[in-house]
Amino acid sequence: MNVSSEVAPSGSTPAYTLSKIGLNALTRMLAAELDGMLVNAVCPGWVATDMGGAGGRPVAEGAAGVVWAATLPDGGPTGGFFRDGRPLAWP
């Protein structure tokens, strides 16, 4: 499970954007190559942290989707991009 961002590819700083684009590509590659392993990316959304700043959603809400992805059962989705346990389109 990788923590990515739905927004990074369309803005933000170049280094952050590039790191998330690379992470998304790695997620999809590993999901295709690793039989029997679930590999997904999760966007926690805008979260009120030191990095995210004030105004974002509570940390517990952003973390819930990460925990969901980290605890998927065998046979769960793989190669996807999610927020709050729901699929997102790949950025």
Protein backbone atom coordinates (compact mmCIF):
# COMPACT_ATOMS: atom_id res chain seq x y z
CA MET A 1 0.00 0.00 0.00
CA ASN A 2 1.42 3.35 -1.05
CA VAL A 3 0.24 6.76 0.13
CA SER A 4 -0.15 8.98 -2.90
CA SER A 5 -2.07 12.11 -3.84
CA GLU A 6 -4.92 12.80 -6.20
CA VAL A 7 -3.84 16.43 -6.52
CA ALA A 8 -0.04 16.22 -6.86
CA PRO A 9 0.13 15.46 -10.60
CA SER A 10 -1.84 18.62 -11.41
CA GLY A 11 0.01 21.06 -9.20
CA SER A 12 2.12 21.45 -6.09
CA THR A 13 5.90 21.60 -6.18
CA PRO A 14 7.74 19.83 -9.02
CA ALA A 15 9.64 17.41 -6.73
CA TYR A 16 6.47 16.38 -4.86
CA THR A 17 4.56 15.99 -8.12
CA LEU A 18 7.29 13.86 -9.67
CA SER A 19 7.54 11.65 -6.58
CA LYS A 20 3.80 10.92 -6.62
CA ILE A 21 3.76 10.24 -10.38
CA GLY A 22 6.62 7.78 -9.88
CA LEU A 23 4.89 6.16 -6.89
CA ASN A 24 1.66 5.75 -8.88
CA ALA A 25 3.56 4.11 -11.75
CA LEU A 26 5.39 1.80 -9.34
CA THR A 27 2.09 0.82 -7.71
CA ARG A 28 0.59 -0.20 -11.03
CA MET A 29 3.73 -2.07 -12.13
CA LEU A 30 4.03 -4.02 -8.89
CA ALA A 31 0.33 -4.90 -8.88
CA ALA A 32 0.71 -6.36 -12.38
CA GLU A 33 3.86 -8.32 -11.53
CA LEU A 34 3.28 -9.62 -8.00
CA ASP A 35 0.81 -12.48 -8.12
CA GLY A 36 -0.95 -13.05 -4.81
CA MET A 37 0.00 -9.67 -3.35
CA LEU A 38 -2.28 -6.68 -3.12
CA VAL A 39 -0.63 -3.45 -4.21
CA ASN A 40 -2.68 -0.26 -4.15
CA ALA A 41 -2.26 3.48 -3.75
CA VAL A 42 -4.31 5.56 -1.32
CA CYS A 43 -4.97 9.28 -1.28
CA PRO A 44 -5.80 10.43 2.26
CA GLY A 45 -7.15 13.73 0.93
CA TRP A 46 -6.25 17.13 2.30
CA VAL A 47 -5.41 16.45 5.94
CA ALA A 48 -4.74 19.03 8.65
CA THR A 49 -1.08 18.20 9.35
CA ASP A 50 2.10 20.24 9.50
CA MET A 51 2.53 19.56 5.77
CA GLY A 52 -1.15 19.94 4.81
CA GLY A 53 -1.79 23.02 6.90
CA ALA A 54 -4.93 24.18 8.66
CA GLY A 55 -8.30 23.65 7.07
CA GLY A 56 -7.85 20.05 6.02
CA ARG A 57 -9.90 17.18 7.37
CA PRO A 58 -8.99 15.54 10.68
CA VAL A 59 -6.01 13.19 10.66
CA ALA A 60 -8.20 10.27 11.78
CA GLU A 61 -10.36 10.63 8.66
CA GLY A 62 -7.36 10.63 6.33
CA ALA A 63 -5.77 7.74 8.19
CA ALA A 64 -8.92 5.59 8.02
CA GLY A 65 -8.51 5.04 4.28
CA VAL A 66 -4.85 4.14 4.73
CA VAL A 67 -5.74 1.60 7.42
CA TRP A 68 -8.49 0.19 5.18
CA ALA A 69 -5.98 -0.44 2.38
CA ALA A 70 -3.34 -1.85 4.71
CA THR A 71 -5.78 -4.40 6.13
CA LEU A 72 -7.48 -5.63 2.96
CA PRO A 73 -8.21 -9.36 3.05
CA ASP A 74 -6.79 -11.85 0.59
CA GLY A 75 -8.60 -11.48 -2.71
CA GLY A 76 -9.17 -7.76 -2.19
CA PRO A 77 -8.58 -5.19 -4.92
CA THR A 78 -5.14 -4.69 -6.36
CA GLY A 79 -3.69 -2.13 -8.75
CA GLY A 80 -6.17 0.51 -7.67
CA PHE A 81 -6.15 4.06 -6.43
CA PHE A 82 -8.47 4.75 -3.48
CA ARG A 83 -9.69 7.35 -1.02
CA ASP A 84 -11.89 6.43 1.92
CA GLY A 85 -12.16 2.88 0.59
CA ARG A 86 -13.63 4.03 -2.73
CA PRO A 87 -11.89 3.85 -6.10
CA LEU A 88 -10.55 7.00 -7.72
CA ALA A 89 -9.50 7.51 -11.32
CA TRP A 90 -5.74 7.39 -11.71
CA PRO A 91 -4.39 10.94 -11.98
